[in-house]
Amino acid sequence: FAEPMSGEIHIGFIPTVGPYLLPHIIQDLREHFPKLEFYLYEHQTQVLLKRLEEGELDCLVLAELEGMEGFGAIPLYQEPMWLAV
C-alpha cells in the first residue's frame, strides 16, 4: 500500500491468448511498472477461475463466459474473426 504498482502480480492467461498477447505487452508493462514482479501462468479457463477465486492469481486474461458474474471484468480488445471457405 505504501508504493502502488509494486511487489508481485500473478496473472493467468488461457493458452489461446497468452502466446499472442504477451509478446506485445510484456515489455511495455515492465517499462511502465518497473517495481512490479510479474508471474505469468497459462492454463484452461476453469482452472484459472478456480485459482483466482482461491486467491492464488490476481487477475486473468480470457474470453468471458457464462458463470463469471461473480468476478469483475474489463474488455481489453476485440478481435475480428473470419470464416474461410
N, C-alpha and C. Protein backbone atom coordinates (compact mmCIF):
# COMPACT_ATOMS: atom_id res chain seq x y z
N PHE A 1 0.81 -1.20 0.00
CA PHE A 1 0.00 0.00 0.00
C PHE A 1 0.85 1.26 0.00
N ALA A 2 2.06 1.17 0.52
CA ALA A 2 2.92 2.34 0.60
C ALA A 2 3.37 2.78 -0.79
N GLU A 3 3.52 1.81 -1.68
CA GLU A 3 4.01 2.13 -3.03
C GLU A 3 3.16 1.37 -4.06
N PRO A 4 2.13 2.02 -4.60
CA PRO A 4 1.27 1.33 -5.56
C PRO A 4 2.05 0.82 -6.77
N MET A 5 1.53 -0.24 -7.34
CA MET A 5 2.11 -0.87 -8.53
C MET A 5 3.54 -1.35 -8.27
N SER A 6 3.72 -1.93 -7.09
CA SER A 6 5.00 -2.55 -6.76
C SER A 6 4.70 -3.89 -6.11
N GLY A 7 5.69 -4.74 -6.04
CA GLY A 7 5.51 -6.06 -5.46
C GLY A 7 5.25 -7.09 -6.54
N GLU A 8 4.47 -8.10 -6.18
CA GLU A 8 4.20 -9.21 -7.10
C GLU A 8 2.79 -9.10 -7.68
N ILE A 9 2.66 -9.54 -8.93
CA ILE A 9 1.34 -9.70 -9.54
C ILE A 9 1.34 -11.03 -10.29
N HIS A 10 0.32 -11.83 -10.02
CA HIS A 10 0.18 -13.16 -10.62
C HIS A 10 -0.96 -13.10 -11.63
N ILE A 11 -0.62 -13.28 -12.91
CA ILE A 11 -1.58 -13.12 -14.00
C ILE A 11 -1.75 -14.45 -14.73
N GLY A 12 -2.99 -14.87 -14.91
CA GLY A 12 -3.29 -16.09 -15.65
C GLY A 12 -3.76 -15.78 -17.05
N PHE A 13 -3.37 -16.63 -17.99
CA PHE A 13 -3.74 -16.49 -19.40
C PHE A 13 -4.25 -17.83 -19.91
N ILE A 14 -5.23 -17.80 -20.79
CA ILE A 14 -5.62 -19.03 -21.47
C ILE A 14 -4.62 -19.28 -22.60
N PRO A 15 -4.40 -20.55 -22.96
CA PRO A 15 -3.37 -20.88 -23.97
C PRO A 15 -3.59 -20.23 -25.33
N THR A 16 -4.82 -19.93 -25.68
CA THR A 16 -5.06 -19.33 -26.99
C THR A 16 -4.77 -17.83 -27.01
N VAL A 17 -4.56 -17.23 -25.85
CA VAL A 17 -4.31 -15.78 -25.78
C VAL A 17 -2.86 -15.48 -25.39
N GLY A 18 -2.35 -16.17 -24.39
CA GLY A 18 -1.02 -15.88 -23.85
C GLY A 18 0.08 -15.72 -24.87
N PRO A 19 0.30 -16.73 -25.74
CA PRO A 19 1.41 -16.64 -26.68
C PRO A 19 1.29 -15.50 -27.69
N TYR A 20 0.06 -15.05 -27.93
CA TYR A 20 -0.15 -13.99 -28.92
C TYR A 20 -0.15 -12.61 -28.31
N LEU A 21 -0.68 -12.49 -27.10
CA LEU A 21 -0.78 -11.19 -26.46
C LEU A 21 0.49 -10.80 -25.72
N LEU A 22 1.09 -11.73 -25.01
CA LEU A 22 2.25 -11.40 -24.17
C LEU A 22 3.41 -10.73 -24.91
N PRO A 23 3.80 -11.22 -26.08
CA PRO A 23 4.92 -10.56 -26.76
C PRO A 23 4.65 -9.09 -27.07
N HIS A 24 3.39 -8.71 -27.16
CA HIS A 24 3.04 -7.33 -27.49
C HIS A 24 2.95 -6.42 -26.27
N ILE A 25 2.77 -6.99 -25.08
CA ILE A 25 2.52 -6.15 -23.91
C ILE A 25 3.54 -6.26 -22.80
N ILE A 26 4.26 -7.36 -22.70
CA ILE A 26 5.08 -7.59 -21.51
C ILE A 26 6.21 -6.56 -21.36
N GLN A 27 6.84 -6.20 -22.45
CA GLN A 27 7.92 -5.21 -22.36
C GLN A 27 7.40 -3.85 -21.90
N ASP A 28 6.25 -3.44 -22.45
CA ASP A 28 5.64 -2.17 -22.02
C ASP A 28 5.25 -2.21 -20.54
N LEU A 29 4.69 -3.33 -20.11
CA LEU A 29 4.33 -3.46 -18.70
C LEU A 29 5.55 -3.32 -17.80
N ARG A 30 6.63 -3.97 -18.17
CA ARG A 30 7.86 -3.90 -17.36
C ARG A 30 8.44 -2.49 -17.35
N GLU A 31 8.36 -1.78 -18.47
CA GLU A 31 8.86 -0.41 -18.52
C GLU A 31 7.99 0.55 -17.71
N HIS A 32 6.68 0.39 -17.79
CA HIS A 32 5.77 1.29 -17.08
C HIS A 32 5.68 0.99 -15.59
N PHE A 33 5.92 -0.26 -15.21
CA PHE A 33 5.80 -0.66 -13.81
C PHE A 33 7.05 -1.43 -13.38
N PRO A 34 8.19 -0.74 -13.31
CA PRO A 34 9.45 -1.43 -13.03
C PRO A 34 9.52 -2.07 -11.64
N LYS A 35 8.67 -1.67 -10.73
CA LYS A 35 8.71 -2.23 -9.38
C LYS A 35 7.75 -3.41 -9.21
N LEU A 36 7.07 -3.79 -10.29
CA LEU A 36 6.20 -4.95 -10.25
C LEU A 36 6.96 -6.18 -10.71
N GLU A 37 6.79 -7.27 -10.00
CA GLU A 37 7.39 -8.54 -10.38
C GLU A 37 6.27 -9.40 -10.97
N PHE A 38 6.37 -9.71 -12.26
CA PHE A 38 5.32 -10.42 -12.96
C PHE A 38 5.51 -11.93 -12.88
N TYR A 39 4.43 -12.62 -12.51
CA TYR A 39 4.38 -14.08 -12.55
C TYR A 39 3.24 -14.44 -13.49
N LEU A 40 3.56 -15.19 -14.53
CA LEU A 40 2.58 -15.49 -15.58
C LEU A 40 2.26 -16.97 -15.58
N TYR A 41 0.97 -17.29 -15.71
CA TYR A 41 0.50 -18.66 -15.67
C TYR A 41 -0.41 -18.92 -16.86
N GLU A 42 -0.23 -20.06 -17.49
CA GLU A 42 -1.07 -20.43 -18.62
C GLU A 42 -1.83 -21.70 -18.27
N HIS A 43 -3.14 -21.65 -18.42
CA HIS A 43 -3.96 -22.82 -18.11
C HIS A 43 -5.34 -22.68 -18.74
N GLN A 44 -6.14 -23.71 -18.62
CA GLN A 44 -7.50 -23.69 -19.13
C GLN A 44 -8.37 -22.78 -18.26
N THR A 45 -9.43 -22.25 -18.83
CA THR A 45 -10.29 -21.26 -18.19
C THR A 45 -10.77 -21.69 -16.80
N GLN A 46 -11.32 -22.88 -16.68
CA GLN A 46 -11.89 -23.30 -15.40
C GLN A 46 -10.84 -23.39 -14.30
N VAL A 47 -9.65 -23.83 -14.64
CA VAL A 47 -8.55 -23.90 -13.66
C VAL A 47 -8.16 -22.49 -13.23
N LEU A 48 -8.04 -21.59 -14.19
CA LEU A 48 -7.68 -20.20 -13.87
C LEU A 48 -8.73 -19.55 -12.98
N LEU A 49 -10.01 -19.74 -13.29
CA LEU A 49 -11.07 -19.15 -12.48
C LEU A 49 -11.03 -19.68 -11.05
N LYS A 50 -10.77 -20.96 -10.90
CA LYS A 50 -10.67 -21.55 -9.55
C LYS A 50 -9.51 -20.94 -8.78
N ARG A 51 -8.37 -20.79 -9.44
CA ARG A 51 -7.19 -20.21 -8.79
C ARG A 51 -7.41 -18.74 -8.45
N LEU A 52 -8.15 -18.02 -9.29
CA LEU A 52 -8.49 -16.62 -8.99
C LEU A 52 -9.40 -16.56 -7.77
N GLU A 53 -10.40 -17.41 -7.77
CA GLU A 53 -11.35 -17.44 -6.65
C GLU A 53 -10.65 -17.80 -5.34
N GLU A 54 -9.65 -18.65 -5.40
CA GLU A 54 -8.92 -19.09 -4.20
C GLU A 54 -7.82 -18.10 -3.80
N GLY A 55 -7.64 -17.04 -4.60
CA GLY A 55 -6.65 -16.03 -4.26
C GLY A 55 -5.23 -16.33 -4.70
N GLU A 56 -5.06 -17.37 -5.50
CA GLU A 56 -3.71 -17.72 -5.98
C GLU A 56 -3.27 -16.81 -7.13
N LEU A 57 -4.24 -16.30 -7.89
CA LEU A 57 -3.95 -15.39 -9.00
C LEU A 57 -4.63 -14.06 -8.73
N ASP A 58 -4.03 -12.99 -9.25
CA ASP A 58 -4.58 -11.64 -9.06
C ASP A 58 -5.55 -11.24 -10.15
N CYS A 59 -5.30 -11.69 -11.37
CA CYS A 59 -6.17 -11.36 -12.49
C CYS A 59 -5.97 -12.38 -13.61
N LEU A 60 -6.90 -12.38 -14.56
CA LEU A 60 -6.85 -13.31 -15.68
C LEU A 60 -7.10 -12.57 -16.98
N VAL A 61 -6.56 -13.12 -18.06
CA VAL A 61 -6.87 -12.65 -19.40
C VAL A 61 -7.48 -13.84 -20.11
N LEU A 62 -8.79 -13.75 -20.40
CA LEU A 62 -9.50 -14.86 -21.02
C LEU A 62 -10.77 -14.38 -21.68
N ALA A 63 -11.42 -15.25 -22.41
CA ALA A 63 -12.70 -14.93 -23.02
C ALA A 63 -13.78 -15.00 -21.95
N GLU A 64 -14.70 -14.06 -21.97
CA GLU A 64 -15.77 -14.04 -20.97
C GLU A 64 -16.76 -15.17 -21.26
N LEU A 65 -17.12 -15.87 -20.19
CA LEU A 65 -18.04 -17.00 -20.30
C LEU A 65 -19.18 -16.86 -19.30
N GLU A 66 -20.22 -17.66 -19.50
CA GLU A 66 -21.28 -17.72 -18.50
C GLU A 66 -20.69 -18.25 -17.20
N GLY A 67 -21.23 -17.79 -16.09
CA GLY A 67 -20.75 -18.24 -14.79
C GLY A 67 -19.66 -17.36 -14.21
N MET A 68 -19.31 -16.29 -14.91
CA MET A 68 -18.26 -15.39 -14.42
C MET A 68 -18.85 -14.15 -13.78
N GLU A 69 -20.16 -14.17 -13.50
CA GLU A 69 -20.83 -12.98 -12.98
C GLU A 69 -20.25 -12.51 -11.65
N GLY A 70 -19.68 -13.41 -10.87
CA GLY A 70 -19.13 -13.05 -9.57
C GLY A 70 -17.80 -12.33 -9.63
N PHE A 71 -17.22 -12.22 -10.81
CA PHE A 71 -15.93 -11.55 -10.99
C PHE A 71 -16.12 -10.24 -11.73
N GLY A 72 -15.28 -9.27 -11.46
CA GLY A 72 -15.27 -8.05 -12.24
C GLY A 72 -14.60 -8.33 -13.57
N ALA A 73 -15.02 -7.63 -14.60
CA ALA A 73 -14.44 -7.84 -15.93
C ALA A 73 -14.32 -6.52 -16.67
N ILE A 74 -13.23 -6.39 -17.41
CA ILE A 74 -12.97 -5.21 -18.22
C ILE A 74 -12.60 -5.69 -19.62
N PRO A 75 -13.33 -5.27 -20.66
CA PRO A 75 -12.94 -5.69 -22.01
C PRO A 75 -11.59 -5.07 -22.38
N LEU A 76 -10.71 -5.89 -22.95
CA LEU A 76 -9.37 -5.41 -23.32
C LEU A 76 -9.27 -5.05 -24.79
N TYR A 77 -9.86 -5.86 -25.64
CA TYR A 77 -9.80 -5.61 -27.08
C TYR A 77 -10.82 -6.49 -27.77
N GLN A 78 -11.10 -6.19 -29.03
CA GLN A 78 -11.96 -7.03 -29.86
C GLN A 78 -11.11 -7.56 -30.99
N GLU A 79 -11.33 -8.81 -31.30
CA GLU A 79 -10.56 -9.44 -32.35
C GLU A 79 -11.50 -9.91 -33.45
N PRO A 80 -11.27 -9.47 -34.68
CA PRO A 80 -12.16 -9.91 -35.76
C PRO A 80 -11.94 -11.40 -36.06
N MET A 81 -13.02 -12.08 -36.35
CA MET A 81 -12.95 -13.48 -36.75
C MET A 81 -13.43 -13.59 -38.18
N TRP A 82 -12.79 -14.44 -38.92
CA TRP A 82 -13.12 -14.62 -40.32
C TRP A 82 -13.44 -16.08 -40.59
N LEU A 83 -14.34 -16.32 -41.48
CA LEU A 83 -14.65 -17.66 -41.93
C LEU A 83 -14.01 -17.84 -43.29
N ALA A 84 -13.14 -18.83 -43.39
CA ALA A 84 -12.50 -19.14 -44.67
C ALA A 84 -13.16 -20.39 -45.22
N VAL A 85 -13.58 -20.32 -46.47
CA VAL A 85 -14.23 -21.48 -47.10
C VAL A 85 -13.58 -21.77 -48.43
